[in-house]
Each structure stands twice: as structure tokens, then as C-alpha cells.
N, C-alpha and C. Protein backbone atom coordinates (compact mmCIF):
# COMPACT_ATOMS: atom_id res chain seq x y z
N MET A 1 0.73 -1.11 -0.08
CA MET A 1 -0.02 -0.01 0.16
C MET A 1 0.95 1.30 0.09
N LYS A 2 1.95 1.31 0.93
CA LYS A 2 2.87 2.37 0.88
C LYS A 2 3.47 2.66 -0.52
N LEU A 3 3.79 1.65 -1.22
CA LEU A 3 4.49 1.88 -2.58
C LEU A 3 3.46 2.33 -3.45
N LEU A 4 2.32 2.14 -3.44
CA LEU A 4 1.22 2.76 -4.23
C LEU A 4 1.08 4.10 -3.81
N LEU A 5 1.01 4.46 -2.55
CA LEU A 5 0.93 5.84 -2.08
C LEU A 5 2.09 6.76 -2.50
N ASP A 6 3.38 6.13 -2.41
CA ASP A 6 4.59 6.83 -3.02
C ASP A 6 4.48 7.07 -4.50
N PHE A 7 3.93 6.17 -5.33
CA PHE A 7 3.83 6.42 -6.64
C PHE A 7 2.48 7.21 -6.97
N PHE A 8 1.60 7.52 -6.23
CA PHE A 8 0.42 8.20 -6.48
C PHE A 8 0.32 9.26 -7.38
N PRO A 9 1.25 10.38 -7.03
CA PRO A 9 1.27 11.60 -7.77
C PRO A 9 1.83 11.28 -9.15
N ILE A 10 2.79 10.30 -9.33
CA ILE A 10 3.50 10.02 -10.66
C ILE A 10 2.45 9.35 -11.40
N ILE A 11 1.63 8.45 -11.06
CA ILE A 11 0.68 7.70 -11.79
C ILE A 11 -0.58 8.72 -12.10
N LEU A 12 -0.99 9.50 -11.28
CA LEU A 12 -1.94 10.44 -11.62
C LEU A 12 -1.48 11.49 -12.70
N PHE A 13 -0.14 11.80 -12.45
CA PHE A 13 0.46 12.74 -13.62
C PHE A 13 0.38 12.07 -14.85
N PHE A 14 0.88 10.79 -14.99
CA PHE A 14 0.81 10.06 -16.28
C PHE A 14 -0.73 10.02 -16.89
N VAL A 15 -1.54 9.55 -16.06
CA VAL A 15 -3.02 9.49 -16.50
C VAL A 15 -3.52 10.86 -16.94
N ALA A 16 -3.37 11.93 -16.18
CA ALA A 16 -3.83 13.20 -16.69
C ALA A 16 -3.06 13.57 -17.94
N TYR A 17 -1.73 13.42 -17.94
CA TYR A 17 -0.98 13.64 -19.19
C TYR A 17 -1.76 13.14 -20.38
N LYS A 18 -2.00 11.95 -20.36
CA LYS A 18 -2.50 11.06 -21.53
C LYS A 18 -3.87 11.56 -21.84
N VAL A 19 -4.70 12.04 -20.92
CA VAL A 19 -5.97 12.58 -21.28
C VAL A 19 -6.04 14.07 -21.42
N TRP A 20 -5.54 14.82 -20.61
CA TRP A 20 -5.62 16.24 -20.83
C TRP A 20 -4.46 17.16 -21.24
N GLY A 21 -3.23 16.49 -21.27
CA GLY A 21 -2.03 17.13 -21.57
C GLY A 21 -1.08 17.56 -20.40
N ILE A 22 -0.03 18.27 -20.67
CA ILE A 22 1.04 18.41 -19.66
C ILE A 22 0.51 19.51 -18.62
N TYR A 23 -0.09 20.45 -19.01
CA TYR A 23 -0.43 21.55 -17.96
C TYR A 23 -1.56 20.99 -17.05
N VAL A 24 -2.57 20.38 -17.31
CA VAL A 24 -3.47 19.66 -16.51
C VAL A 24 -2.73 18.59 -15.56
N ALA A 25 -1.92 17.89 -16.40
CA ALA A 25 -1.08 16.93 -15.52
C ALA A 25 -0.20 17.41 -14.59
N THR A 26 0.29 18.66 -14.73
CA THR A 26 1.13 19.34 -13.75
C THR A 26 0.31 19.83 -12.53
N ALA A 27 -0.90 20.37 -12.79
CA ALA A 27 -1.77 20.70 -11.71
C ALA A 27 -2.25 19.51 -10.99
N VAL A 28 -2.42 18.54 -11.55
CA VAL A 28 -2.98 17.22 -10.97
C VAL A 28 -1.70 16.65 -10.03
N ALA A 29 -0.51 16.79 -10.56
CA ALA A 29 0.73 16.37 -9.61
C ALA A 29 0.86 17.15 -8.56
N ILE A 30 0.53 18.50 -8.49
CA ILE A 30 0.76 19.38 -7.44
C ILE A 30 -0.35 18.92 -6.52
N ALA A 31 -1.55 18.79 -6.86
CA ALA A 31 -2.65 18.54 -6.01
C ALA A 31 -2.42 17.17 -5.30
N ALA A 32 -1.98 16.14 -6.22
CA ALA A 32 -1.91 14.79 -5.79
C ALA A 32 -0.65 14.83 -4.53
N THR A 33 0.16 15.55 -4.70
CA THR A 33 1.38 15.49 -3.88
C THR A 33 0.89 16.10 -2.44
N ILE A 34 0.17 17.03 -2.55
CA ILE A 34 -0.60 17.82 -1.31
C ILE A 34 -1.29 16.75 -0.67
N VAL A 35 -2.26 16.22 -1.42
CA VAL A 35 -3.19 15.20 -0.93
C VAL A 35 -2.29 13.88 -0.32
N GLN A 36 -1.44 13.61 -0.95
CA GLN A 36 -0.32 12.51 -0.44
C GLN A 36 0.27 12.99 0.75
N LEU A 37 0.67 14.19 1.12
CA LEU A 37 1.37 14.56 2.36
C LEU A 37 0.33 14.71 3.35
N GLY A 38 -0.76 15.18 3.02
CA GLY A 38 -2.01 15.48 4.05
C GLY A 38 -2.31 14.02 4.51
N TYR A 39 -2.56 13.09 3.56
CA TYR A 39 -3.01 11.73 3.83
C TYR A 39 -2.10 11.06 4.88
N MET A 40 -0.65 11.17 4.72
CA MET A 40 0.43 10.68 5.42
C MET A 40 0.49 11.29 6.84
N ARG A 41 0.20 12.65 6.94
CA ARG A 41 0.12 13.21 8.05
C ARG A 41 -0.92 12.79 8.92
N ILE A 42 -2.08 12.68 8.36
CA ILE A 42 -3.25 12.16 9.15
C ILE A 42 -3.14 10.79 9.65
N LYS A 43 -2.76 9.97 8.70
CA LYS A 43 -2.51 8.43 9.01
C LYS A 43 -1.40 8.15 10.05
N THR A 44 -0.18 8.80 9.78
CA THR A 44 0.95 8.39 10.64
C THR A 44 1.29 9.54 11.72
N GLY A 45 0.70 10.76 11.64
CA GLY A 45 0.79 11.78 12.50
C GLY A 45 2.19 12.63 12.20
N LYS A 46 2.85 12.11 11.29
CA LYS A 46 4.29 12.95 10.91
C LYS A 46 4.37 12.88 9.40
N THR A 47 5.35 13.65 8.76
CA THR A 47 5.75 13.55 7.45
C THR A 47 7.29 13.48 7.47
N GLU A 48 7.72 12.81 6.55
CA GLU A 48 9.20 12.68 6.34
C GLU A 48 9.71 14.07 5.70
N PRO A 49 10.87 14.61 6.08
CA PRO A 49 11.59 15.74 5.64
C PRO A 49 11.55 15.59 4.15
N MET A 50 11.81 14.44 3.49
CA MET A 50 12.00 14.27 1.98
C MET A 50 10.75 14.67 1.36
N GLN A 51 9.56 14.13 2.03
CA GLN A 51 8.20 14.44 1.51
C GLN A 51 8.05 16.11 1.42
N TRP A 52 8.44 16.69 2.47
CA TRP A 52 8.31 18.28 2.26
C TRP A 52 9.18 18.82 1.24
N VAL A 53 10.25 18.20 0.96
CA VAL A 53 11.33 18.62 -0.03
C VAL A 53 10.69 18.28 -1.44
N SER A 54 10.00 17.25 -1.46
CA SER A 54 9.26 16.90 -2.74
C SER A 54 8.21 17.66 -3.04
N LEU A 55 7.38 18.06 -1.87
CA LEU A 55 6.29 19.04 -2.11
C LEU A 55 6.81 20.26 -2.68
N ALA A 56 7.76 20.98 -2.03
CA ALA A 56 8.44 22.20 -2.43
C ALA A 56 8.80 22.12 -3.88
N ILE A 57 9.58 21.14 -4.24
CA ILE A 57 9.92 21.06 -5.67
C ILE A 57 8.81 20.95 -6.68
N ILE A 58 7.83 20.15 -6.38
CA ILE A 58 6.86 20.11 -7.36
C ILE A 58 5.90 21.44 -7.41
N VAL A 59 5.71 22.20 -6.27
CA VAL A 59 5.20 23.37 -6.30
C VAL A 59 5.91 24.44 -6.89
N VAL A 60 7.13 24.59 -6.86
CA VAL A 60 7.96 25.48 -7.53
C VAL A 60 8.07 25.15 -9.02
N PHE A 61 8.44 24.01 -9.33
CA PHE A 61 8.68 23.71 -10.71
C PHE A 61 7.32 23.58 -11.51
N GLY A 62 6.31 22.95 -10.82
CA GLY A 62 5.10 22.76 -11.39
C GLY A 62 4.37 24.15 -11.50
N GLY A 63 4.42 24.99 -10.41
CA GLY A 63 3.97 26.46 -10.51
C GLY A 63 4.59 27.22 -11.59
N ALA A 64 5.90 27.01 -11.82
CA ALA A 64 6.62 27.84 -12.94
C ALA A 64 6.02 27.40 -14.18
N THR A 65 5.79 26.06 -14.39
CA THR A 65 5.36 25.42 -15.66
C THR A 65 4.00 26.06 -15.91
N LEU A 66 3.15 26.01 -14.96
CA LEU A 66 1.80 26.69 -15.28
C LEU A 66 1.81 28.24 -15.37
N LEU A 67 2.61 28.87 -14.62
CA LEU A 67 2.56 30.44 -14.76
C LEU A 67 3.41 30.74 -15.95
N ALA A 68 4.42 30.09 -16.44
CA ALA A 68 5.08 30.49 -17.60
C ALA A 68 4.61 29.78 -18.88
N HIS A 69 3.74 28.77 -18.68
CA HIS A 69 3.07 28.11 -19.90
C HIS A 69 4.22 27.48 -20.61
N ASN A 70 5.19 26.98 -19.77
CA ASN A 70 6.52 26.32 -20.33
C ASN A 70 6.78 25.04 -19.69
N GLU A 71 6.61 24.04 -20.64
CA GLU A 71 6.62 22.55 -19.90
C GLU A 71 8.12 22.21 -19.39
N ASN A 72 9.12 22.96 -19.82
CA ASN A 72 10.52 22.70 -19.58
C ASN A 72 10.84 22.65 -18.03
N PHE A 73 10.04 23.37 -17.25
CA PHE A 73 10.07 23.58 -15.86
C PHE A 73 9.86 22.16 -15.13
N ILE A 74 8.69 21.60 -15.62
CA ILE A 74 8.31 20.39 -15.09
C ILE A 74 9.25 19.23 -15.42
N LYS A 75 9.84 19.31 -16.49
CA LYS A 75 10.81 18.46 -16.89
C LYS A 75 12.04 18.41 -16.02
N TRP A 76 12.36 19.45 -15.42
CA TRP A 76 13.48 19.58 -14.52
C TRP A 76 13.36 19.14 -13.25
N LYS A 77 11.91 18.82 -12.71
CA LYS A 77 11.52 18.57 -11.40
C LYS A 77 12.03 17.36 -11.04
N PRO A 78 12.06 16.27 -11.83
CA PRO A 78 12.57 14.81 -11.29
C PRO A 78 14.13 15.09 -11.09
N THR A 79 14.77 15.70 -11.99
CA THR A 79 16.31 15.85 -11.71
C THR A 79 16.62 16.55 -10.61
N VAL A 80 15.89 17.69 -10.38
CA VAL A 80 16.09 18.40 -9.04
C VAL A 80 16.00 17.51 -7.86
N LEU A 81 14.94 16.83 -7.84
CA LEU A 81 14.53 15.86 -6.64
C LEU A 81 15.60 14.84 -6.56
N TYR A 82 16.03 14.17 -7.61
CA TYR A 82 17.07 13.10 -7.69
C TYR A 82 18.39 13.79 -7.11
N TRP A 83 18.70 14.91 -7.78
CA TRP A 83 20.07 15.39 -7.20
C TRP A 83 19.97 16.24 -5.56
N VAL A 84 18.94 16.38 -5.38
CA VAL A 84 18.74 16.89 -3.97
C VAL A 84 18.95 15.57 -3.02
N MET A 85 18.34 14.60 -3.45
CA MET A 85 18.37 13.40 -2.52
C MET A 85 19.85 12.96 -2.58
N GLY A 86 20.51 12.92 -3.68
CA GLY A 86 21.83 12.45 -3.87
C GLY A 86 22.81 13.40 -3.03
N ALA A 87 22.56 14.74 -3.09
CA ALA A 87 23.28 15.64 -2.49
C ALA A 87 23.17 15.53 -0.89
N VAL A 88 21.95 15.19 -0.45
CA VAL A 88 21.77 14.91 1.03
C VAL A 88 22.71 13.71 1.51
N LEU A 89 22.79 12.56 0.69
CA LEU A 89 23.53 11.61 1.11
C LEU A 89 25.05 11.76 1.07
N LEU A 90 25.28 12.43 -0.04
CA LEU A 90 26.78 12.87 -0.31
C LEU A 90 27.31 13.73 0.71
N ILE A 91 26.42 14.81 1.16
CA ILE A 91 26.91 15.97 2.25
C ILE A 91 26.83 15.21 3.62
N GLY A 92 25.78 14.41 3.85
CA GLY A 92 25.73 13.63 5.14
C GLY A 92 27.13 12.73 5.30
N GLN A 93 27.51 12.07 4.22
CA GLN A 93 28.76 11.21 4.43
C GLN A 93 29.92 12.05 4.63
N LEU A 94 30.17 12.86 3.70
CA LEU A 94 31.33 13.72 3.53
C LEU A 94 31.36 14.91 4.53
N GLY A 95 30.23 15.57 4.85
CA GLY A 95 30.29 16.70 5.70
C GLY A 95 30.06 16.43 7.01
N PHE A 96 29.13 15.42 7.43
CA PHE A 96 28.94 15.18 8.66
C PHE A 96 29.35 13.54 9.19
N ASN A 97 29.97 12.89 8.31
CA ASN A 97 30.16 11.61 8.69
C ASN A 97 29.04 10.84 9.05
N LYS A 98 28.04 11.06 8.43
CA LYS A 98 26.54 10.43 8.73
C LYS A 98 26.13 9.79 7.47
N ASN A 99 25.88 8.46 7.58
CA ASN A 99 25.33 7.61 6.59
C ASN A 99 23.73 7.59 6.69
N PHE A 100 23.01 8.40 5.76
CA PHE A 100 21.54 8.47 6.12
C PHE A 100 20.90 7.03 5.58
N ILE A 101 21.53 6.35 4.83
CA ILE A 101 20.94 4.95 4.40
C ILE A 101 21.01 4.02 5.47
N ARG A 102 22.10 4.18 6.22
CA ARG A 102 22.26 3.32 7.61
C ARG A 102 21.19 3.90 8.60
N SER A 103 20.97 5.09 8.56
CA SER A 103 20.03 5.63 9.58
C SER A 103 18.56 5.01 9.16
N LEU A 104 18.26 5.13 8.05
CA LEU A 104 16.97 4.65 7.51
C LEU A 104 16.81 3.17 7.64
N MET A 105 17.96 2.31 7.42
CA MET A 105 17.69 0.79 7.43
C MET A 105 18.30 0.12 8.40
N GLY A 106 19.16 0.76 9.26
CA GLY A 106 20.09 0.11 10.26
C GLY A 106 19.30 -0.78 11.39
N THR A 107 18.15 -0.43 11.58
CA THR A 107 17.32 -1.20 12.51
C THR A 107 16.80 -2.52 11.86
N GLN A 108 16.80 -2.45 10.50
CA GLN A 108 16.27 -3.79 9.89
C GLN A 108 17.31 -4.76 9.55
N ILE A 109 18.52 -4.34 9.23
CA ILE A 109 19.48 -5.22 8.79
C ILE A 109 20.78 -4.78 9.43
N GLN A 110 21.80 -5.73 9.81
CA GLN A 110 23.21 -5.40 10.29
C GLN A 110 24.07 -5.68 9.15
N LEU A 111 24.96 -4.79 8.92
CA LEU A 111 25.87 -4.78 7.82
C LEU A 111 27.23 -4.33 8.45
N PRO A 112 28.24 -4.67 7.91
CA PRO A 112 29.58 -4.14 8.28
C PRO A 112 29.67 -2.66 7.72
N ASP A 113 30.45 -1.77 8.36
CA ASP A 113 30.60 -0.32 7.95
C ASP A 113 30.90 -0.21 6.59
N PRO A 114 31.80 -0.86 6.10
CA PRO A 114 32.21 -0.60 4.62
C PRO A 114 31.09 -0.87 3.69
N VAL A 115 30.18 -1.91 3.99
CA VAL A 115 29.03 -2.18 3.18
C VAL A 115 28.05 -0.98 3.34
N TRP A 116 27.71 -0.57 4.45
CA TRP A 116 26.89 0.58 4.63
C TRP A 116 27.40 1.76 3.81
N ARG A 117 28.71 1.96 3.78
CA ARG A 117 29.42 3.13 2.97
C ARG A 117 29.08 2.88 1.42
N ASN A 118 29.44 1.74 1.10
CA ASN A 118 29.18 1.39 -0.40
C ASN A 118 27.66 1.58 -0.74
N LEU A 119 26.75 0.98 0.18
CA LEU A 119 25.44 1.38 -0.09
C LEU A 119 25.09 2.96 -0.27
N ASN A 120 25.57 3.62 0.51
CA ASN A 120 25.40 5.07 0.54
C ASN A 120 25.95 5.63 -0.75
N TRP A 121 27.14 5.28 -1.20
CA TRP A 121 27.75 5.74 -2.41
C TRP A 121 26.84 5.32 -3.49
N GLY A 122 26.47 4.04 -3.51
CA GLY A 122 25.54 3.55 -4.71
C GLY A 122 24.39 4.29 -4.87
N TRP A 123 23.66 4.68 -3.88
CA TRP A 123 22.44 5.46 -4.09
C TRP A 123 22.86 6.89 -4.39
N THR A 124 24.07 7.38 -3.86
CA THR A 124 24.20 8.83 -4.28
C THR A 124 24.47 8.68 -5.79
N GLY A 125 25.32 7.68 -6.34
CA GLY A 125 25.56 7.70 -7.74
C GLY A 125 24.31 7.44 -8.48
N PHE A 126 23.29 6.67 -8.02
CA PHE A 126 22.12 6.12 -8.78
C PHE A 126 21.43 7.53 -8.86
N PHE A 127 21.27 8.35 -7.90
CA PHE A 127 20.51 9.57 -8.06
C PHE A 127 21.24 10.49 -8.91
N ALA A 128 22.57 10.58 -8.97
CA ALA A 128 23.12 11.51 -9.98
C ALA A 128 22.96 11.04 -11.21
N VAL A 129 23.05 9.65 -11.59
CA VAL A 129 22.74 9.28 -12.91
C VAL A 129 21.35 9.50 -13.20
N MET A 130 20.33 9.08 -12.38
CA MET A 130 18.99 9.28 -12.98
C MET A 130 18.59 10.70 -13.14
N GLY A 131 19.36 11.61 -12.32
CA GLY A 131 18.99 13.15 -12.61
C GLY A 131 19.46 13.39 -13.99
N ALA A 132 20.59 12.91 -14.32
CA ALA A 132 21.28 13.35 -15.64
C ALA A 132 20.50 12.52 -16.76
N LEU A 133 19.96 11.39 -16.57
CA LEU A 133 19.15 10.60 -17.65
C LEU A 133 17.86 11.24 -17.75
N ASN A 134 17.25 11.81 -16.77
CA ASN A 134 16.10 12.54 -17.00
C ASN A 134 16.20 13.71 -17.92
N LEU A 135 17.27 14.24 -17.65
CA LEU A 135 17.49 15.56 -18.63
C LEU A 135 17.81 15.19 -19.94
N TRP A 136 18.51 14.30 -20.13
CA TRP A 136 18.72 13.80 -21.43
C TRP A 136 17.50 13.25 -22.21
N VAL A 137 16.55 12.57 -21.53
CA VAL A 137 15.21 12.22 -22.15
C VAL A 137 14.39 13.33 -22.33
N ALA A 138 14.37 14.32 -21.36
CA ALA A 138 13.46 15.48 -21.45
C ALA A 138 13.94 16.35 -22.58
N PHE A 139 15.16 16.54 -22.83
CA PHE A 139 15.61 17.48 -23.91
C PHE A 139 16.02 16.80 -25.35
N HIS A 140 15.98 15.53 -25.37
CA HIS A 140 16.36 14.89 -26.49
C HIS A 140 15.13 14.19 -27.23
N PHE A 141 14.10 14.16 -26.51
CA PHE A 141 12.97 13.39 -26.94
C PHE A 141 11.58 14.33 -26.70
N ASP A 142 10.58 14.00 -27.35
CA ASP A 142 9.38 14.58 -27.40
C ASP A 142 8.79 14.40 -25.78
N THR A 143 7.76 15.36 -25.45
CA THR A 143 7.22 15.17 -24.11
C THR A 143 6.43 13.97 -23.86
N ASP A 144 5.91 13.41 -24.75
CA ASP A 144 5.10 12.07 -24.65
C ASP A 144 6.21 10.88 -24.11
N THR A 145 7.37 11.04 -24.97
CA THR A 145 8.53 9.97 -24.66
C THR A 145 8.91 10.18 -23.17
N TRP A 146 9.14 11.53 -22.83
CA TRP A 146 9.80 11.87 -21.48
C TRP A 146 8.61 11.35 -20.47
N VAL A 147 7.32 11.73 -20.73
CA VAL A 147 6.38 11.08 -19.65
C VAL A 147 6.41 9.80 -19.43
N ASN A 148 6.41 8.99 -20.58
CA ASN A 148 6.40 7.52 -20.51
C ASN A 148 7.88 7.20 -19.71
N PHE A 149 8.87 7.81 -19.99
CA PHE A 149 10.14 7.47 -19.38
C PHE A 149 10.07 7.74 -17.82
N LYS A 150 9.24 8.77 -17.54
CA LYS A 150 9.16 9.20 -16.13
C LYS A 150 8.50 8.14 -15.24
N LEU A 151 7.43 7.47 -15.77
CA LEU A 151 6.85 6.42 -15.05
C LEU A 151 7.57 5.26 -15.31
N PHE A 152 7.58 4.74 -16.47
CA PHE A 152 7.98 3.22 -16.63
C PHE A 152 9.56 3.12 -16.69
N GLY A 153 10.36 4.19 -17.36
CA GLY A 153 11.74 3.91 -17.28
C GLY A 153 12.31 4.18 -16.00
N GLY A 154 11.85 5.31 -15.29
CA GLY A 154 12.29 5.66 -13.91
C GLY A 154 11.98 4.58 -13.00
N MET A 155 10.79 3.95 -13.09
CA MET A 155 10.36 2.90 -11.99
C MET A 155 11.11 1.68 -12.35
N GLY A 156 11.25 1.32 -13.55
CA GLY A 156 11.86 0.24 -14.01
C GLY A 156 13.42 0.23 -13.57
N LEU A 157 14.12 1.37 -13.86
CA LEU A 157 15.50 1.45 -13.43
C LEU A 157 15.59 1.30 -11.88
N MET A 158 14.60 2.02 -11.23
CA MET A 158 14.60 1.91 -9.66
C MET A 158 14.53 0.47 -9.17
N ILE A 159 13.69 -0.25 -9.95
CA ILE A 159 13.54 -1.73 -9.51
C ILE A 159 14.86 -2.49 -9.68
N VAL A 160 15.30 -2.36 -10.86
CA VAL A 160 16.68 -3.07 -11.34
C VAL A 160 17.60 -2.75 -10.27
N PHE A 161 17.78 -1.38 -9.85
CA PHE A 161 18.86 -1.02 -8.95
C PHE A 161 18.55 -1.55 -7.71
N VAL A 162 17.24 -1.68 -7.10
CA VAL A 162 16.99 -2.08 -5.75
C VAL A 162 17.33 -3.59 -5.89
N ILE A 163 16.98 -4.35 -6.97
CA ILE A 163 17.32 -5.93 -7.08
C ILE A 163 18.82 -5.95 -6.86
N ALA A 164 19.61 -5.03 -7.76
CA ALA A 164 21.03 -5.28 -7.71
C ALA A 164 21.53 -4.88 -6.24
N GLN A 165 21.00 -4.02 -5.53
CA GLN A 165 21.51 -3.65 -4.20
C GLN A 165 21.03 -4.90 -3.23
N ALA A 166 19.89 -5.65 -3.45
CA ALA A 166 19.62 -6.62 -2.78
C ALA A 166 20.50 -7.85 -2.92
N ILE A 167 20.92 -8.10 -4.20
CA ILE A 167 21.95 -9.19 -4.53
C ILE A 167 23.23 -8.90 -3.61
N TYR A 168 23.65 -7.53 -3.85
CA TYR A 168 24.90 -7.14 -3.16
C TYR A 168 24.75 -7.32 -1.65
N LEU A 169 23.76 -6.91 -0.97
CA LEU A 169 23.49 -6.90 0.32
C LEU A 169 23.52 -8.34 0.87
N SER A 170 22.88 -9.42 0.11
CA SER A 170 22.67 -10.62 0.52
C SER A 170 24.01 -11.44 0.75
N ARG A 171 24.97 -10.86 0.21
CA ARG A 171 26.46 -11.47 0.54
C ARG A 171 27.03 -11.02 1.79
N HIS A 172 26.50 -9.95 2.25
CA HIS A 172 26.94 -9.32 3.56
C HIS A 172 26.20 -9.08 4.76
N VAL A 173 24.75 -9.62 4.58
CA VAL A 173 24.05 -9.48 5.83
C VAL A 173 24.39 -10.52 6.91
N LYS A 174 24.62 -9.93 8.04
CA LYS A 174 24.95 -10.79 9.17
C LYS A 174 23.79 -11.52 9.70
N GLU A 175 23.79 -12.73 9.59
CA GLU A 175 22.68 -13.72 9.98
C GLU A 175 22.68 -13.78 11.32
N GLU A 176 21.55 -14.01 12.00
CA GLU A 176 21.39 -14.44 13.36
C GLU A 176 21.94 -15.64 13.65
N ASP A 177 22.40 -15.94 14.90
CA ASP A 177 22.89 -17.31 15.24
C ASP A 177 21.81 -18.29 15.14
N ALA A 178 21.87 -19.15 14.33
CA ALA A 178 20.63 -20.32 14.33
C ALA A 178 20.68 -20.94 15.67
N PRO A 179 19.43 -21.40 15.97
CA PRO A 179 19.37 -22.02 17.22
C PRO A 179 19.79 -23.36 17.12
N VAL A 180 20.49 -23.77 18.23
CA VAL A 180 21.08 -25.12 18.17
C VAL A 180 19.94 -26.15 18.54
N GLN A 181 19.95 -27.16 17.83
CA GLN A 181 18.77 -28.40 17.82
C GLN A 181 19.52 -29.32 18.72
N VAL A 182 18.87 -29.56 19.73
CA VAL A 182 19.29 -30.68 20.82
C VAL A 182 18.63 -31.91 20.31
N GLU A 183 19.58 -32.96 20.24
CA GLU A 183 19.03 -34.28 19.82
C GLU A 183 18.45 -34.94 21.02
N ASP A 184 17.46 -35.69 20.62
CA ASP A 184 16.66 -36.36 21.50
C ASP A 184 17.60 -37.44 22.50
N ALA A 185 17.60 -37.38 23.60
CA ALA A 185 18.45 -38.27 24.51
C ALA A 185 18.13 -39.87 24.29
N LYS A 186 16.84 -40.22 23.82
CA LYS A 186 16.37 -41.59 23.79
C LYS A 186 17.22 -42.21 22.60
N GLN A 187 17.82 -41.44 21.67
CA GLN A 187 18.49 -42.08 20.54
C GLN A 187 19.88 -42.70 20.93
């Protein structure tokens, strides 16, 4: 359910674009992000800082798209969001010696410090590449291709990256000590 909620604005943007075009889709994405944030706030009583950042970025770039009637602003939005997320991971690691990936996942799995560092660098690089790839698609192809890439290409690449990370992590996860089975004394 959370995954669907996370992709709620993107899916609505895609549908609205296919039916009404880029400007209505942009307004729908802004509204959907506001609804998403409100729903999360009501349901959990809190909102993640990245959700606020995402809202600010969609309002600024979506608003600029609508006010200037120029779709190039909304095409920059995913890149800015990817690069902000990557920058947060980079600055956390280099500036504050803080691994935010570990902060998010450290209670769920135990990994050696170098693996956490590699995971952080991997996500930082992924966000950098995704931001650049979004710009390349946005400004080398038509808007329809970019919208399709935004939903299917972006999501597909994210899934492939997460699977690759899972394979990498599976080699390093510290397993809990297995319970020792005591043989029956009658044997």
C-alpha cells in the first residue's frame, strides 16, 4: 500500500497527461502531492523531511510550468529531486560523517561499516545518474516519450537498482545465530 501511495502523484500525472496534456497533468501532480502529504500526516501523525522537499520542488517547478506555460520547468523537477536526494546522502557522508541510508535501514539489517558506505555511495551515484538521464530524455525526445520514461523508465530502473542492491546486500547480511537443535536423549 505504501508503494502505491509513494507513486500516487506520478501515476496521476501520467494518466492526466494522457487524457488532458502536460499543463493539467502538472496541476494534478501538485494537488496529488499535497493530498499525499496530508494523508500521510493524518495516517501516521508525521511527515518525512523528503516529503516536504518533494512538495516544495513540485510546487516550485510545477507552478513555474503553469505560470510561464512552459513545460521545460516540470521536466527539470525529477532531476532536481534526484540531485537533492543524492546531495543529502553525499553531504551527510562527507560533511557530517553520517550515513543516512544506515540511519533509515540500520534497525532492519546489520551490515559491516564498509558495506553501509558502499550502499550510501551506490544510492548517491544512482540519484546522480537518474537526474542526468532524466534531463537527457527530457531534452532529446518529445514530451510524450519523457512522460513515459518518467513513469516506466524511472520506475523500471529503480526496481533494477533495488534488485542489484539486494543481491549485493545478500552477500553481506549478518545472519542471526541459528538455534542449536538438541538431539533427543532416547536415541
